[in-house]
Amino acid sequence: MKNLSRFLLLFILFSVSFSVEAQDKPRWAQKNVSSLDKERTNDTYKFIKFETFGGDLDQLRKERLDTLVQYFADTYNLNAASAAITNLSGEPQFQSIPNDEEGDDRIQRKYLITFSSPVSKKFYAELVDEYVSLEENVDMTFDNTLYQLYAVSSSDNCVEPQFDDFKLTRKYNTKALAMSIVPGLGQIYKGQNTKGYCIMGAEVVFIGAAIVCENKRSKHIKNMNNHPEVEDSYYGKAKSWRTMRNIAIGCAGIVYVYNLFDAALSKGARQVLVSKPSGTSLALAPSVVYDPMTDIAPAVSLSITF
């Protein structure tokens, strides 16, 4: 009984520590971009992720677009040395250091990459998000890893893609709550892998303990019926195992309820929300205009919907 209670207390403290810990590494950096590709509203572009390593972060940032150029050159058999890069955003590039937990949309920039050899081609790319991590090597030196997420032209037709709108957030929709029907799965979906596996493990331990305790209780009840001369002894043992079973069931219930609330309310790893670009449309709507100096007269008003 004491061991189960201690395990529950340790689990709660462990989970709380992961709840307050910053989930700074974006979800797209932890996983591949296939899930993001499914959220696109059109096929004129696709998502790609780059990881570059080096001890000098400033140098990595200076060479950040070299990786993008090399990608297009390798994909479409072009000469990377003939590429010219134009920043279509028209603003100085924003450097996100240190990493912002929530993300900063100001980092998003659109580029035009033009190749002149062996044929003339142009491609479009939009930097959606980036993340920098510092890793220690075995020789006690440090390396930076620059993660970059781009939306890029999906073909070489030289036509500008219809990029969607990209928003950075740590909030998740009801999908995480729905997935948490399986304990821990909602947390894993949000990029909280350690917390998710802890919830899964705790639920397995408590349910397993409840099953073991119930088997022990049933065994003592059976022995009590078969040996009435020592009925009190078996009854006392059966009662103790019943108490242990109930505690295990209660702990499993507490973990499950915590799992649901945590999946619904806690912030997860930063993610990219993809939505159709908002446009401007004109609409004519009939209305009635009243002027106290004249009679009521019908009119047509022009409303602008954004």
Protein backbone atom coordinates (compact mmCIF):
# COMPACT_ATOMS: atom_id res chain seq x y z
CA MET A 1 0.00 0.00 0.00
CA LYS A 2 2.78 2.40 0.95
CA ASN A 3 4.74 1.52 -2.20
CA LEU A 4 1.76 2.33 -4.45
CA SER A 5 1.20 5.63 -2.68
CA ARG A 6 4.87 6.55 -2.99
CA PHE A 7 4.84 5.63 -6.68
CA LEU A 8 1.83 7.89 -7.27
CA LEU A 9 3.51 10.77 -5.42
CA LEU A 10 6.72 10.34 -7.41
CA PHE A 11 4.73 10.22 -10.66
CA ILE A 12 2.90 13.46 -9.83
CA LEU A 13 6.14 15.26 -8.93
CA PHE A 14 7.84 13.92 -12.05
CA SER A 15 4.96 14.99 -14.30
CA VAL A 16 4.77 18.44 -12.77
CA SER A 17 8.47 18.96 -13.42
CA PHE A 18 7.92 18.15 -17.09
CA SER A 19 4.88 20.42 -17.20
CA VAL A 20 6.85 23.45 -16.07
CA GLU A 21 9.85 22.57 -18.24
CA ALA A 22 9.91 24.60 -21.46
CA GLN A 23 8.86 22.59 -24.49
CA ASP A 24 11.12 24.68 -26.68
CA LYS A 25 12.05 22.27 -29.48
CA PRO A 26 9.39 22.62 -32.19
CA ARG A 27 7.26 19.65 -33.09
CA TRP A 28 8.39 19.81 -36.72
CA ALA A 29 12.04 19.61 -35.57
CA GLN A 30 11.32 16.51 -33.50
CA LYS A 31 9.37 14.74 -36.22
CA ASN A 32 9.31 14.69 -40.02
CA VAL A 33 7.23 17.09 -42.13
CA SER A 34 4.81 14.54 -43.59
CA SER A 35 2.05 15.60 -41.18
CA LEU A 36 2.52 19.24 -42.21
CA ASP A 37 2.30 18.32 -45.90
CA LYS A 38 -1.13 16.83 -45.23
CA GLU A 39 -2.36 20.21 -43.95
CA ARG A 40 -1.55 22.14 -47.15
CA THR A 41 -4.52 23.58 -49.04
CA ASN A 42 -2.79 23.07 -52.41
CA ASP A 43 0.06 21.10 -54.02
CA THR A 44 1.98 24.04 -55.50
CA TYR A 45 4.41 23.86 -52.59
CA LYS A 46 5.73 21.39 -50.03
CA PHE A 47 7.57 21.47 -46.71
CA ILE A 48 11.22 20.55 -46.25
CA LYS A 49 13.39 20.51 -43.13
CA PHE A 50 17.14 21.12 -42.94
CA GLU A 51 19.60 20.41 -40.13
CA THR A 52 23.07 21.97 -40.31
CA PHE A 53 25.83 21.54 -37.74
CA GLY A 54 28.82 23.66 -36.75
CA GLY A 55 30.65 25.32 -33.89
CA ASP A 56 30.10 28.87 -35.18
CA LEU A 57 26.42 29.81 -35.11
CA ASP A 58 26.99 33.09 -36.96
CA GLN A 59 28.64 31.18 -39.78
CA LEU A 60 25.76 28.71 -39.88
CA ARG A 61 23.34 31.59 -40.26
CA LYS A 62 25.40 33.16 -43.03
CA GLU A 63 25.37 29.86 -44.90
CA ARG A 64 21.76 29.04 -44.12
CA LEU A 65 20.53 29.66 -47.66
CA ASP A 66 23.35 27.60 -49.17
CA THR A 67 21.55 24.48 -47.97
CA LEU A 68 18.36 25.64 -49.67
CA VAL A 69 20.16 26.38 -52.94
CA GLN A 70 21.89 23.01 -52.85
CA TYR A 71 18.54 21.31 -52.33
CA PHE A 72 17.10 22.78 -55.54
CA ALA A 73 20.35 22.10 -57.43
CA ASP A 74 20.42 18.43 -56.40
CA THR A 75 16.69 17.90 -56.96
CA TYR A 76 16.55 19.41 -60.45
CA ASN A 77 20.14 18.84 -61.69
CA LEU A 78 21.13 22.50 -61.67
CA ASN A 79 24.41 24.29 -61.03
CA ALA A 80 24.39 25.66 -57.47
CA ALA A 81 27.15 28.15 -58.34
CA SER A 82 24.86 29.85 -60.88
CA ALA A 83 22.16 30.60 -58.30
CA ALA A 84 21.12 34.11 -57.31
CA ILE A 85 19.00 34.73 -54.19
CA THR A 86 16.52 37.58 -53.82
CA ASN A 87 14.82 38.39 -50.52
CA LEU A 88 11.25 39.16 -51.55
CA SER A 89 10.25 40.27 -48.06
CA GLY A 90 12.16 43.50 -48.43
CA GLU A 91 13.10 43.68 -44.75
CA PRO A 92 16.29 42.91 -42.80
CA GLN A 93 16.36 39.28 -41.77
CA PHE A 94 15.25 38.77 -38.17
CA GLN A 95 17.52 36.63 -36.00
CA SER A 96 15.72 34.60 -33.34
CA ILE A 97 18.33 34.27 -30.55
CA PRO A 98 17.73 32.92 -28.03
CA ASN A 99 14.92 30.63 -29.14
CA ASP A 100 11.46 31.95 -28.42
CA GLU A 101 9.28 29.25 -26.84
CA GLU A 102 6.19 30.54 -28.61
CA GLY A 103 8.00 31.25 -31.86
CA ASP A 104 8.20 34.55 -33.69
CA ASP A 105 6.42 35.02 -37.01
CA ARG A 106 8.80 37.89 -37.86
CA ILE A 107 11.41 35.33 -38.81
CA GLN A 108 9.34 34.25 -41.81
CA ARG A 109 10.90 35.41 -45.07
CA LYS A 110 10.15 34.70 -48.72
CA TYR A 111 12.98 34.12 -51.22
CA LEU A 112 13.36 33.81 -54.98
CA ILE A 113 16.19 31.51 -56.09
CA THR A 114 17.14 31.92 -59.77
CA PHE A 115 19.44 29.48 -61.60
CA SER A 116 21.10 30.33 -64.91
CA SER A 117 22.90 27.04 -65.62
CA PRO A 118 22.52 24.60 -67.27
CA VAL A 119 19.03 26.04 -67.90
CA SER A 120 17.22 29.06 -66.57
CA LYS A 121 14.97 28.14 -63.65
CA LYS A 122 13.51 29.95 -60.70
CA PHE A 123 12.08 28.66 -57.45
CA TYR A 124 10.32 30.21 -54.48
CA ALA A 125 10.85 29.40 -50.83
CA GLU A 126 9.48 30.73 -47.56
CA LEU A 127 11.28 30.31 -44.25
CA VAL A 128 8.52 29.24 -41.84
CA ASP A 129 10.38 28.62 -38.59
CA GLU A 130 13.83 27.90 -37.19
CA TYR A 131 15.33 26.47 -34.04
CA VAL A 132 18.88 26.37 -32.66
CA SER A 133 20.17 23.75 -30.23
CA LEU A 134 23.54 23.44 -28.49
CA GLU A 135 24.99 19.95 -28.17
CA GLU A 136 28.05 18.78 -26.25
CA ASN A 137 30.52 16.47 -27.98
CA VAL A 138 32.46 13.65 -26.34
CA ASP A 139 35.64 15.79 -26.45
CA MET A 140 33.90 18.49 -24.35
CA THR A 141 33.49 20.81 -27.32
CA PHE A 142 30.14 22.19 -28.41
CA ASP A 143 28.29 22.21 -31.71
CA ASN A 144 25.26 24.18 -32.78
CA THR A 145 22.46 22.56 -34.73
CA LEU A 146 20.42 24.93 -36.87
CA TYR A 147 17.00 23.52 -37.75
CA GLN A 148 15.16 25.26 -40.60
CA LEU A 149 11.65 24.67 -41.89
CA TYR A 150 10.86 25.91 -45.41
CA ALA A 151 7.85 25.88 -47.70
CA VAL A 152 9.26 25.52 -51.23
CA SER A 153 8.14 25.19 -54.83
CA SER A 154 7.03 21.62 -55.48
CA SER A 155 7.97 21.70 -59.19
CA ASP A 156 10.29 23.50 -61.63
CA ASN A 157 7.56 25.26 -63.58
CA CYS A 158 8.91 28.68 -62.46
CA VAL A 159 5.46 29.73 -61.23
CA GLU A 160 5.14 31.25 -57.77
CA PRO A 161 3.43 28.76 -55.42
CA GLN A 162 0.25 29.60 -53.56
CA PHE A 163 1.75 29.58 -50.08
CA ASP A 164 -0.65 29.21 -47.19
CA ASP A 165 -0.52 31.30 -44.04
CA PHE A 166 1.76 29.88 -41.34
CA LYS A 167 1.25 30.61 -37.64
CA LEU A 168 3.47 29.44 -34.77
CA THR A 169 1.81 28.31 -31.54
CA ARG A 170 2.17 25.98 -28.56
CA LYS A 171 -1.57 25.53 -28.21
CA TYR A 172 -3.23 22.40 -29.56
CA ASN A 173 -6.73 21.64 -30.67
CA THR A 174 -9.05 18.92 -29.37
CA LYS A 175 -7.13 16.23 -31.24
CA ALA A 176 -4.67 15.91 -28.37
CA LEU A 177 -7.56 15.42 -25.95
CA ALA A 178 -9.18 12.84 -28.23
CA MET A 179 -5.93 10.92 -28.54
CA SER A 180 -5.48 10.92 -24.76
CA ILE A 181 -8.26 8.34 -24.53
CA VAL A 182 -5.20 6.10 -24.74
CA PRO A 183 -3.23 7.41 -21.73
CA GLY A 184 -0.11 9.33 -22.77
CA LEU A 185 -0.87 9.37 -26.48
CA GLY A 186 -2.06 12.97 -26.42
CA GLN A 187 1.17 14.09 -24.77
CA ILE A 188 3.27 12.21 -27.33
CA TYR A 189 1.25 13.89 -30.10
CA LYS A 190 2.17 17.28 -28.60
CA GLY A 191 5.86 16.41 -28.54
CA GLN A 192 6.00 15.66 -24.81
CA ASN A 193 7.38 12.18 -25.31
CA THR A 194 8.90 11.64 -21.85
CA LYS A 195 5.74 12.75 -20.08
CA GLY A 196 3.59 10.62 -22.39
CA TYR A 197 5.62 7.47 -21.77
CA CYS A 198 5.58 8.13 -18.01
CA ILE A 199 1.77 8.35 -18.07
CA MET A 200 1.55 5.13 -20.09
CA GLY A 201 3.95 3.36 -17.73
CA ALA A 202 2.14 4.55 -14.59
CA GLU A 203 -1.21 3.42 -15.96
CA VAL A 204 0.19 -0.02 -16.81
CA VAL A 205 1.75 -0.34 -13.33
CA PHE A 206 -1.44 0.59 -11.47
CA ILE A 207 -3.74 -1.54 -13.63
CA GLY A 208 -1.31 -4.44 -13.35
CA ALA A 209 -1.18 -3.98 -9.56
CA ALA A 210 -4.98 -3.96 -9.39
CA ILE A 211 -5.14 -7.25 -11.34
CA VAL A 212 -2.50 -8.91 -9.12
CA CYS A 213 -4.22 -7.74 -5.93
CA GLU A 214 -7.59 -9.00 -7.16
CA ASN A 215 -6.10 -12.41 -7.95
CA LYS A 216 -4.57 -12.57 -4.46
CA ARG A 217 -7.87 -11.55 -2.86
CA SER A 218 -9.81 -14.16 -4.83
CA LYS A 219 -7.30 -16.85 -3.85
CA HIS A 220 -7.68 -16.07 -0.13
CA ILE A 221 -11.49 -16.01 -0.42
CA LYS A 222 -11.34 -19.44 -2.02
CA ASN A 223 -9.04 -20.76 0.72
CA MET A 224 -11.34 -19.25 3.34
CA ASN A 225 -14.28 -21.22 1.94
CA ASN A 226 -12.24 -24.42 1.71
CA HIS A 227 -10.72 -24.10 5.20
CA PRO A 228 -13.35 -22.76 7.58
CA GLU A 229 -11.19 -23.64 10.59
CA VAL A 230 -8.81 -20.76 9.72
CA GLU A 231 -11.44 -18.54 8.17
CA ASP A 232 -10.41 -15.42 10.12
CA SER A 233 -6.82 -15.61 8.92
CA TYR A 234 -7.77 -15.85 5.24
CA TYR A 235 -10.46 -13.20 5.65
CA GLY A 236 -7.93 -10.71 7.06
CA LYS A 237 -5.52 -11.36 4.18
CA ALA A 238 -8.33 -11.07 1.63
CA LYS A 239 -9.39 -7.75 3.17
CA SER A 240 -5.84 -6.40 2.93
CA TRP A 241 -5.54 -7.37 -0.74
CA ARG A 242 -8.94 -5.82 -1.43
CA THR A 243 -7.71 -2.53 0.06
CA MET A 244 -4.57 -2.71 -2.08
CA ARG A 245 -6.69 -3.39 -5.18
CA ASN A 246 -8.93 -0.40 -4.48
CA ILE A 247 -5.92 1.86 -3.98
CA ALA A 248 -4.41 0.67 -7.27
CA ILE A 249 -7.70 1.29 -9.08
CA GLY A 250 -7.94 4.76 -7.51
CA CYS A 251 -4.36 5.60 -8.53
CA ALA A 252 -5.06 4.41 -12.09
CA GLY A 253 -8.12 6.66 -12.15
CA ILE A 254 -6.15 9.66 -10.87
CA VAL A 255 -3.48 9.16 -13.54
CA TYR A 256 -6.12 8.82 -16.26
CA VAL A 257 -7.96 12.00 -15.22
CA TYR A 258 -4.62 13.86 -15.00
CA ASN A 259 -3.80 12.56 -18.48
CA LEU A 260 -7.03 14.01 -19.89
CA PHE A 261 -6.65 17.42 -18.24
CA ASP A 262 -2.98 17.67 -19.15
CA ALA A 263 -3.65 16.80 -22.80
CA ALA A 264 -6.40 19.42 -22.97
CA LEU A 265 -4.78 22.30 -21.08
CA SER A 266 -0.98 22.10 -21.09
CA LYS A 267 1.10 23.71 -23.80
CA GLY A 268 3.04 21.38 -26.04
CA ALA A 269 6.01 21.77 -28.33
CA ARG A 270 5.82 24.68 -30.76
CA GLN A 271 3.96 23.73 -33.93
CA VAL A 272 3.07 25.31 -37.25
CA LEU A 273 -0.59 25.93 -38.04
CA VAL A 274 -1.39 25.98 -41.75
CA SER A 275 -4.40 27.95 -42.97
CA LYS A 276 -5.69 29.27 -46.26
CA PRO A 277 -4.54 32.86 -46.91
CA SER A 278 -7.12 35.46 -46.02
CA GLY A 279 -8.13 37.61 -48.97
CA THR A 280 -10.25 40.63 -49.67
CA SER A 281 -13.61 40.30 -51.37
CA LEU A 282 -16.32 42.74 -52.38
CA ALA A 283 -19.98 42.09 -51.82
CA LEU A 284 -23.11 44.10 -52.69
CA ALA A 285 -25.84 44.03 -50.06
CA PRO A 286 -29.22 45.84 -50.14
CA SER A 287 -29.93 48.26 -47.31
CA VAL A 288 -32.29 51.02 -46.33
CA VAL A 289 -30.92 54.54 -45.81
CA TYR A 290 -32.82 56.96 -43.56
CA ASP A 291 -32.35 60.71 -43.83
CA PRO A 292 -34.50 62.81 -41.41
CA MET A 293 -34.66 65.58 -44.02
CA THR A 294 -36.09 63.28 -46.67
CA ASP A 295 -38.25 60.23 -47.03
CA ILE A 296 -36.91 56.72 -46.45
CA ALA A 297 -35.30 55.63 -49.68
CA PRO A 298 -33.96 52.24 -50.75
CA ALA A 299 -30.26 52.08 -51.57
CA VAL A 300 -27.48 49.67 -52.34
CA SER A 301 -24.44 49.62 -50.09
CA LEU A 302 -21.01 48.22 -50.95
CA SER A 303 -19.42 46.23 -48.13
CA ILE A 304 -15.79 45.07 -48.11
CA THR A 305 -15.18 41.72 -46.47
CA PHE A 306 -11.61 40.87 -45.40
